[in-house]
C-alpha atoms as a PDB file:
ATOM      1  CA  UNK A   1     -17.253 -10.547  -9.949  1.00  0.00           C
ATOM      2  CA  UNK A   2     -17.018  -7.906  -7.246  1.00  0.00           C
ATOM      3  CA  UNK A   3     -13.664  -6.686  -5.942  1.00  0.00           C
ATOM      4  CA  UNK A   4     -14.684  -6.211  -2.287  1.00  0.00           C
ATOM      5  CA  UNK A   5     -14.858  -9.951  -1.339  1.00  0.00           C
ATOM      6  CA  UNK A   6     -11.525 -10.480  -3.068  1.00  0.00           C
ATOM      7  CA  UNK A   7      -9.989  -7.630  -1.144  1.00  0.00           C
ATOM      8  CA  UNK A   8     -11.350  -9.019   2.123  1.00  0.00           C
ATOM      9  CA  UNK A   9     -10.117 -12.534   1.358  1.00  0.00           C
ATOM     10  CA  UNK A  10      -6.613 -11.264   0.522  1.00  0.00           C
ATOM     11  CA  UNK A  11      -6.650  -8.996   3.621  1.00  0.00           C
ATOM     12  CA  UNK A  12      -7.474 -11.940   5.908  1.00  0.00           C
ATOM     13  CA  UNK A  13      -4.666 -14.005   4.397  1.00  0.00           C
ATOM     14  CA  UNK A  14      -2.341 -11.041   4.767  1.00  0.00           C
ATOM     15  CA  UNK A  15      -3.263 -10.743   8.446  1.00  0.00           C
ATOM     16  CA  UNK A  16      -2.155 -14.366   8.968  1.00  0.00           C
ATOM     17  CA  UNK A  17       0.994 -13.703   6.949  1.00  0.00           C
ATOM     18  CA  UNK A  18       2.036 -10.677   8.982  1.00  0.00           C
ATOM     19  CA  UNK A  19       1.259 -12.303  12.316  1.00  0.00           C
ATOM     20  CA  UNK A  20       2.350 -15.932  12.395  1.00  0.00           C
ATOM     21  CA  UNK A  21       2.616 -17.448   8.898  1.00  0.00           C
ATOM     22  CA  UNK A  22       5.732 -16.302   7.019  1.00  0.00           C
ATOM     23  CA  UNK A  23       5.374 -19.342   4.745  1.00  0.00           C
ATOM     24  CA  UNK A  24       2.507 -17.646   2.817  1.00  0.00           C
ATOM     25  CA  UNK A  25       4.142 -14.242   2.568  1.00  0.00           C
ATOM     26  CA  UNK A  26       5.124 -14.541  -1.092  1.00  0.00           C
ATOM     27  CA  UNK A  27       1.715 -15.865  -2.094  1.00  0.00           C
ATOM     28  CA  UNK A  28      -0.256 -13.176  -0.294  1.00  0.00           C
ATOM     29  CA  UNK A  29       1.971 -10.387  -1.624  1.00  0.00           C
ATOM     30  CA  UNK A  30       1.482 -11.719  -5.157  1.00  0.00           C
ATOM     31  CA  UNK A  31      -2.316 -11.900  -5.043  1.00  0.00           C
ATOM     32  CA  UNK A  32      -2.437  -8.469  -3.343  1.00  0.00           C
ATOM     33  CA  UNK A  33      -1.127  -6.946  -6.612  1.00  0.00           C
ATOM     34  CA  UNK A  34      -4.538  -7.596  -8.237  1.00  0.00           C
ATOM     35  CA  UNK A  35      -6.904  -5.995  -5.710  1.00  0.00           C
ATOM     36  CA  UNK A  36      -8.356  -3.541  -8.215  1.00  0.00           C
ATOM     37  CA  UNK A  37      -9.128  -5.968 -11.033  1.00  0.00           C
ATOM     38  CA  UNK A  38      -8.969  -9.625  -9.977  1.00  0.00           C
ATOM     39  CA  UNK A  39      -9.747 -12.380 -12.457  1.00  0.00           C
ATOM     40  CA  UNK A  40     -10.695 -15.998 -12.012  1.00  0.00           C
ATOM     41  CA  UNK A  41      -7.035 -17.059 -11.914  1.00  0.00           C
ATOM     42  CA  UNK A  42      -6.419 -14.728  -8.995  1.00  0.00           C
ATOM     43  CA  UNK A  43      -9.451 -16.081  -7.127  1.00  0.00           C
ATOM     44  CA  UNK A  44      -8.149 -19.589  -7.612  1.00  0.00           C
ATOM     45  CA  UNK A  45      -4.761 -18.497  -6.217  1.00  0.00           C
ATOM     46  CA  UNK A  46      -6.469 -17.101  -3.108  1.00  0.00           C
ATOM     47  CA  UNK A  47      -8.406 -20.322  -2.659  1.00  0.00           C
ATOM     48  CA  UNK A  48      -5.158 -22.277  -2.925  1.00  0.00           C
ATOM     49  CA  UNK A  49      -3.721 -20.169  -0.020  1.00  0.00           C
ATOM     50  CA  UNK A  50      -6.752 -20.972   2.125  1.00  0.00           C
ATOM     51  CA  UNK A  51      -6.595 -24.646   1.252  1.00  0.00           C
ATOM     52  CA  UNK A  52      -2.945 -24.663   2.302  1.00  0.00           C
ATOM     53  CA  UNK A  53      -3.755 -22.895   5.572  1.00  0.00           C
ATOM     54  CA  UNK A  54      -6.543 -25.404   6.245  1.00  0.00           C
ATOM     55  CA  UNK A  55      -4.166 -28.268   5.712  1.00  0.00           C
ATOM     56  CA  UNK A  56      -1.565 -26.708   8.028  1.00  0.00           C
ATOM     57  CA  UNK A  57      -3.889 -25.108  10.611  1.00  0.00           C
ATOM     58  CA  UNK A  58      -2.035 -26.883  13.457  1.00  0.00           C
ATOM     59  CA  UNK A  59       1.280 -25.259  12.488  1.00  0.00           C
ATOM     60  CA  UNK A  60       2.634 -22.557  14.782  1.00  0.00           C
ATOM     61  CA  UNK A  61       5.795 -20.536  15.154  1.00  0.00           C
ATOM     62  CA  UNK A  62       7.877 -22.175  17.879  1.00  0.00           C
ATOM     63  CA  UNK A  63      10.854 -20.602  19.600  1.00  0.00           C
ATOM     64  CA  UNK A  64      13.520 -22.226  21.726  1.00  0.00           C
ATOM     65  CA  UNK A  65      14.179 -25.246  19.523  1.00  0.00           C
ATOM     66  CA  UNK A  66      17.631 -23.834  18.945  1.00  0.00           C
ATOM     67  CA  UNK A  67      19.719 -21.467  20.966  1.00  0.00           C
ATOM     68  CA  UNK A  68      20.852 -18.943  18.386  1.00  0.00           C
ATOM     69  CA  UNK A  69      21.524 -15.217  18.274  1.00  0.00           C
ATOM     70  CA  UNK A  70      19.600 -12.999  15.947  1.00  0.00           C
ATOM     71  CA  UNK A  71      20.464 -13.840  12.346  1.00  0.00           C
ATOM     72  CA  UNK A  72      18.945 -13.187   8.972  1.00  0.00           C
ATOM     73  CA  UNK A  73      18.526 -14.680   5.508  1.00  0.00           C
ATOM     74  CA  UNK A  74      18.055 -12.530   2.407  1.00  0.00           C
ATOM     75  CA  UNK A  75      17.297 -13.400  -1.215  1.00  0.00           C
ATOM     76  CA  UNK A  76      15.936 -11.845  -4.394  1.00  0.00           C
ATOM     77  CA  UNK A  77      14.264 -13.324  -7.435  1.00  0.00           C
ATOM     78  CA  UNK A  78      15.099 -11.772 -10.796  1.00  0.00           C
ATOM     79  CA  UNK A  79      12.650  -9.921 -13.022  1.00  0.00           C
ATOM     80  CA  UNK A  80      10.652 -13.037 -13.914  1.00  0.00           C
ATOM     81  CA  UNK A  81       7.216 -11.487 -13.494  1.00  0.00           C
ATOM     82  CA  UNK A  82       5.251  -9.241 -15.805  1.00  0.00           C
ATOM     83  CA  UNK A  83       6.057  -6.084 -13.843  1.00  0.00           C
ATOM     84  CA  UNK A  84       9.803  -6.827 -14.474  1.00  0.00           C
ATOM     85  CA  UNK A  85      10.750  -5.987 -10.898  1.00  0.00           C
ATOM     86  CA  UNK A  86      12.635  -8.362  -8.648  1.00  0.00           C
ATOM     87  CA  UNK A  87      11.086  -9.702  -5.451  1.00  0.00           C
ATOM     88  CA  UNK A  88      13.003  -9.084  -2.250  1.00  0.00           C
ATOM     89  CA  UNK A  89      12.625 -11.457   0.639  1.00  0.00           C
ATOM     90  CA  UNK A  90      14.261 -11.619   4.069  1.00  0.00           C
ATOM     91  CA  UNK A  91      13.604 -13.347   7.346  1.00  0.00           C
ATOM     92  CA  UNK A  92      15.287 -12.807  10.708  1.00  0.00           C
ATOM     93  CA  UNK A  93      15.443 -15.650  13.194  1.00  0.00           C
ATOM     94  CA  UNK A  94      15.927 -15.781  16.940  1.00  0.00           C
ATOM     95  CA  UNK A  95      16.195 -19.056  18.905  1.00  0.00           C
ATOM     96  CA  UNK A  96      14.920 -21.095  15.991  1.00  0.00           C
ATOM     97  CA  UNK A  97      11.870 -19.020  15.070  1.00  0.00           C
ATOM     98  CA  UNK A  98      11.142 -16.179  12.662  1.00  0.00           C
ATOM     99  CA  UNK A  99      10.694 -12.749  14.278  1.00  0.00           C
ATOM    100  CA  UNK A 100      10.627 -10.526  11.206  1.00  0.00           C
ATOM    101  CA  UNK A 101      10.051 -11.261   7.527  1.00  0.00           C
ATOM    102  CA  UNK A 102       8.941  -9.693   4.308  1.00  0.00           C
ATOM    103  CA  UNK A 103       8.285 -10.502   0.648  1.00  0.00           C
ATOM    104  CA  UNK A 104       7.783  -7.488  -1.599  1.00  0.00           C
ATOM    105  CA  UNK A 105       8.306  -6.116  -5.064  1.00  0.00           C
ATOM    106  CA  UNK A 106      11.398  -3.909  -5.356  1.00  0.00           C
ATOM    107  CA  UNK A 107      10.792  -0.247  -5.911  1.00  0.00           C
ATOM    108  CA  UNK A 108      13.069  -0.046  -8.940  1.00  0.00           C
ATOM    109  CA  UNK A 109      13.819  -2.116 -12.025  1.00  0.00           C
ATOM    110  CA  UNK A 110      17.284  -3.646 -11.542  1.00  0.00           C
ATOM    111  CA  UNK A 111      19.556  -4.459 -14.436  1.00  0.00           C
ATOM    112  CA  UNK A 112      21.156  -7.652 -13.142  1.00  0.00           C
ATOM    113  CA  UNK A 113      20.763 -10.416 -10.601  1.00  0.00           C
ATOM    114  CA  UNK A 114      23.676  -8.955  -8.647  1.00  0.00           C
ATOM    115  CA  UNK A 115      21.947  -5.584  -8.393  1.00  0.00           C
ATOM    116  CA  UNK A 116      18.668  -7.157  -7.321  1.00  0.00           C
ATOM    117  CA  UNK A 117      20.428  -9.181  -4.617  1.00  0.00           C
ATOM    118  CA  UNK A 118      22.394  -6.098  -3.522  1.00  0.00           C
ATOM    119  CA  UNK A 119      19.233  -4.032  -3.151  1.00  0.00           C
ATOM    120  CA  UNK A 120      17.542  -6.829  -1.196  1.00  0.00           C
ATOM    121  CA  UNK A 121      20.587  -7.110   1.109  1.00  0.00           C
ATOM    122  CA  UNK A 122      20.474  -3.367   1.798  1.00  0.00           C
ATOM    123  CA  UNK A 123      16.819  -3.616   2.849  1.00  0.00           C
ATOM    124  CA  UNK A 124      17.672  -6.587   5.088  1.00  0.00           C
ATOM    125  CA  UNK A 125      20.532  -4.613   6.603  1.00  0.00           C
ATOM    126  CA  UNK A 126      18.206  -1.742   7.502  1.00  0.00           C
ATOM    127  CA  UNK A 127      15.846  -4.172   9.157  1.00  0.00           C
ATOM    128  CA  UNK A 128      18.746  -5.712  11.058  1.00  0.00           C
ATOM    129  CA  UNK A 129      19.696  -2.303  12.468  1.00  0.00           C
ATOM    130  CA  UNK A 130      16.115  -1.635  13.562  1.00  0.00           C
ATOM    131  CA  UNK A 131      15.844  -5.042  15.226  1.00  0.00           C
ATOM    132  CA  UNK A 132      19.143  -4.456  16.972  1.00  0.00           C
ATOM    133  CA  UNK A 133      17.780  -1.265  18.525  1.00  0.00           C
ATOM    134  CA  UNK A 134      14.430  -2.863  19.375  1.00  0.00           C
ATOM    135  CA  UNK A 135      15.927  -5.866  21.094  1.00  0.00           C
ATOM    136  CA  UNK A 136      18.279  -3.609  22.986  1.00  0.00           C
ATOM    137  CA  UNK A 137      15.268  -1.781  24.417  1.00  0.00           C
ATOM    138  CA  UNK A 138      13.327  -5.011  25.128  1.00  0.00           C
ATOM    139  CA  UNK A 139      16.149  -6.911  26.807  1.00  0.00           C
ATOM    140  CA  UNK A 140      17.808  -3.959  28.406  1.00  0.00           C
ATOM    141  CA  UNK A 141      21.254  -4.380  26.865  1.00  0.00           C
ATOM    142  CA  UNK A 142      22.887  -3.499  23.598  1.00  0.00           C
ATOM    143  CA  UNK A 143      23.687  -6.222  21.053  1.00  0.00           C
ATOM    144  CA  UNK A 144      27.417  -5.706  20.540  1.00  0.00           C
ATOM    145  CA  UNK A 145      28.095  -8.588  18.203  1.00  0.00           C
ATOM    146  CA  UNK A 146      27.577  -8.194  14.457  1.00  0.00           C
ATOM    147  CA  UNK A 147      24.263  -9.605  13.169  1.00  0.00           C
ATOM    148  CA  UNK A 148      24.927 -12.314  10.607  1.00  0.00           C
ATOM    149  CA  UNK A 149      22.965 -12.123   7.373  1.00  0.00           C
ATOM    150  CA  UNK A 150      23.167 -15.017   4.924  1.00  0.00           C
ATOM    151  CA  UNK A 151      22.937 -14.395   1.176  1.00  0.00           C
ATOM    152  CA  UNK A 152      23.377 -16.777  -1.758  1.00  0.00           C
ATOM    153  CA  UNK A 153      24.770 -14.407  -4.395  1.00  0.00           C
ATOM    154  CA  UNK A 154      28.557 -14.145  -4.215  1.00  0.00           C
ATOM    155  CA  UNK A 155      28.748 -11.109  -6.525  1.00  0.00           C
ATOM    156  CA  UNK A 156      26.347  -9.097  -4.367  1.00  0.00           C
ATOM    157  CA  UNK A 157      28.305 -10.066  -1.253  1.00  0.00           C
ATOM    158  CA  UNK A 158      31.550  -8.982  -2.886  1.00  0.00           C
ATOM    159  CA  UNK A 159      30.013  -5.701  -3.989  1.00  0.00           C
ATOM    160  CA  UNK A 160      28.807  -5.022  -0.441  1.00  0.00           C
ATOM    161  CA  UNK A 161      32.266  -5.634   0.993  1.00  0.00           C
ATOM    162  CA  UNK A 162      34.612  -3.844  -1.353  1.00  0.00           C
ATOM    163  CA  UNK A 163      32.839  -2.481  -4.419  1.00  0.00           C
ATOM    164  CA  UNK A 164      35.109  -4.127  -6.972  1.00  0.00           C
ATOM    165  CA  UNK A 165      32.167  -4.296  -9.399  1.00  0.00           C
ATOM    166  CA  UNK A 166      31.780  -0.482  -9.254  1.00  0.00           C
ATOM    167  CA  UNK A 167      32.300   0.007 -13.003  1.00  0.00           C
ATOM    168  CA  UNK A 168      29.326  -2.216 -13.750  1.00  0.00           C
ATOM    169  CA  UNK A 169      27.108  -0.895 -10.978  1.00  0.00           C
ATOM    170  CA  UNK A 170      27.878   2.800 -10.835  1.00  0.00           C
ATOM    171  CA  UNK A 171      24.280   3.612 -11.730  1.00  0.00           C
ATOM    172  CA  UNK A 172      23.014   2.196  -8.408  1.00  0.00           C
ATOM    173  CA  UNK A 173      21.495   4.886  -6.223  1.00  0.00           C
ATOM    174  CA  UNK A 174      23.830   5.857  -3.380  1.00  0.00           C
ATOM    175  CA  UNK A 175      21.191   5.018  -0.743  1.00  0.00           C
ATOM    176  CA  UNK A 176      21.660   1.337  -1.518  1.00  0.00           C
ATOM    177  CA  UNK A 177      25.328   1.529  -0.543  1.00  0.00           C
ATOM    178  CA  UNK A 178      24.279   1.981   3.075  1.00  0.00           C
ATOM    179  CA  UNK A 179      25.038  -1.676   3.576  1.00  0.00           C
ATOM    180  CA  UNK A 180      28.755  -1.051   2.928  1.00  0.00           C
ATOM    181  CA  UNK A 181      28.894   1.420   5.816  1.00  0.00           C
ATOM    182  CA  UNK A 182      27.305  -0.876   8.394  1.00  0.00           C
ATOM    183  CA  UNK A 183      29.510  -3.810   7.307  1.00  0.00           C
ATOM    184  CA  UNK A 184      32.567  -1.599   7.712  1.00  0.00           C
ATOM    185  CA  UNK A 185      31.553  -0.449  11.205  1.00  0.00           C
ATOM    186  CA  UNK A 186      30.902  -4.017  12.319  1.00  0.00           C
ATOM    187  CA  UNK A 187      27.112  -3.883  12.724  1.00  0.00           C
ATOM    188  CA  UNK A 188      26.442  -6.829  10.438  1.00  0.00           C
ATOM    189  CA  UNK A 189      28.214  -9.623   8.674  1.00  0.00           C
ATOM    190  CA  UNK A 190      27.018 -10.601   5.196  1.00  0.00           C
ATOM    191  CA  UNK A 191      28.208 -14.094   4.339  1.00  0.00           C
ATOM    192  CA  UNK A 192      27.436 -16.713   1.722  1.00  0.00           C
ATOM    193  CA  UNK A 193      25.187 -19.699   2.148  1.00  0.00           C
ATOM    194  CA  UNK A 194      24.139 -22.263  -0.538  1.00  0.00           C
ATOM    195  CA  UNK A 195      20.724 -21.874  -2.142  1.00  0.00           C
ATOM    196  CA  UNK A 196      19.573 -25.148  -0.584  1.00  0.00           C
ATOM    197  CA  UNK A 197      20.076 -23.560   2.828  1.00  0.00           C
ATOM    198  CA  UNK A 198      18.678 -20.147   1.907  1.00  0.00           C
ATOM    199  CA  UNK A 199      15.528 -19.934   4.038  1.00  0.00           C
ATOM    200  CA  UNK A 200      14.458 -16.653   2.386  1.00  0.00           C
ATOM    201  CA  UNK A 201      14.148 -18.448  -0.970  1.00  0.00           C
ATOM    202  CA  UNK A 202      10.518 -19.253  -0.146  1.00  0.00           C
ATOM    203  CA  UNK A 203       9.818 -15.533   0.239  1.00  0.00           C
ATOM    204  CA  UNK A 204      10.768 -14.702  -3.345  1.00  0.00           C
ATOM    205  CA  UNK A 205       9.188 -17.336  -5.548  1.00  0.00           C
ATOM    206  CA  UNK A 206       6.777 -20.284  -5.696  1.00  0.00           C
ATOM    207  CA  UNK A 207       8.546 -23.509  -4.744  1.00  0.00           C
ATOM    208  CA  UNK A 208       7.699 -27.212  -4.993  1.00  0.00           C
ATOM    209  CA  UNK A 209       5.784 -28.495  -1.963  1.00  0.00           C
ATOM    210  CA  UNK A 210       8.730 -30.357  -0.486  1.00  0.00           C
ATOM    211  CA  UNK A 211      11.006 -27.291  -0.592  1.00  0.00           C
ATOM    212  CA  UNK A 212       8.303 -24.945   0.633  1.00  0.00           C
ATOM    213  CA  UNK A 213       7.618 -27.135   3.688  1.00  0.00           C
ATOM    214  CA  UNK A 214      11.354 -27.537   4.298  1.00  0.00           C
ATOM    215  CA  UNK A 215      11.852 -23.775   4.493  1.00  0.00           C
ATOM    216  CA  UNK A 216       8.658 -23.356   6.550  1.00  0.00           C
ATOM    217  CA  UNK A 217      10.169 -25.714   9.101  1.00  0.00           C
ATOM    218  CA  UNK A 218      13.461 -23.775   8.906  1.00  0.00           C
ATOM    219  CA  UNK A 219      11.534 -20.621   9.876  1.00  0.00           C
ATOM    220  CA  UNK A 220      10.283 -22.322  13.030  1.00  0.00           C
ATOM    221  CA  UNK A 221       6.868 -23.469  11.872  1.00  0.00           C
ATOM    222  CA  UNK A 222       5.890 -26.882  13.154  1.00  0.00           C
ATOM    223  CA  UNK A 223       2.861 -28.883  14.250  1.00  0.00           C
ATOM    224  CA  UNK A 224       1.847 -28.304  17.865  1.00  0.00           C
END
């Protein structure tokens, strides 16, 4: 079994993921980890992605269904995979549609769910700051209001706001505390939302079909 066709198949799915299909982001990032030595199980996973895309080929990202300011959702899945690294996922929405999203393996091995969620929130916060600058240039005015980011881990949210868990998390690299600074200066708000409303959940793990389609709709994907 040659690796080149596998690489091309994953690359094509990744192109769709990065452009207009955030709902396949977790799946494509997972199969992309096996580009050098794919097996039959990995090929079947790629085929499943294409079957899903075929069944939803009339889905598109639609904007304007809601009038909402820029807001984000962030989540992390614990070290449940063989590489023992958590998966970070975030999505930013504007007027009912996703404008930025990612699903990727964290660069470090975290020691708790709180730490994994905290690291994911920091990455989402950096993306929020970049989007704030970008939209300021595009629309010709600065976004003065804090950007709201929704997370579903109360301990990570508490840590980001006041650091009361410092004794348990003092090993965390200082760069991940960047989120505290931009919360303090009013650039973002990190607030809690229940897991059932956590749109970024679909970017961190495989979900049942009903939930996956629910969150795809929440990201602005619908039949046109």
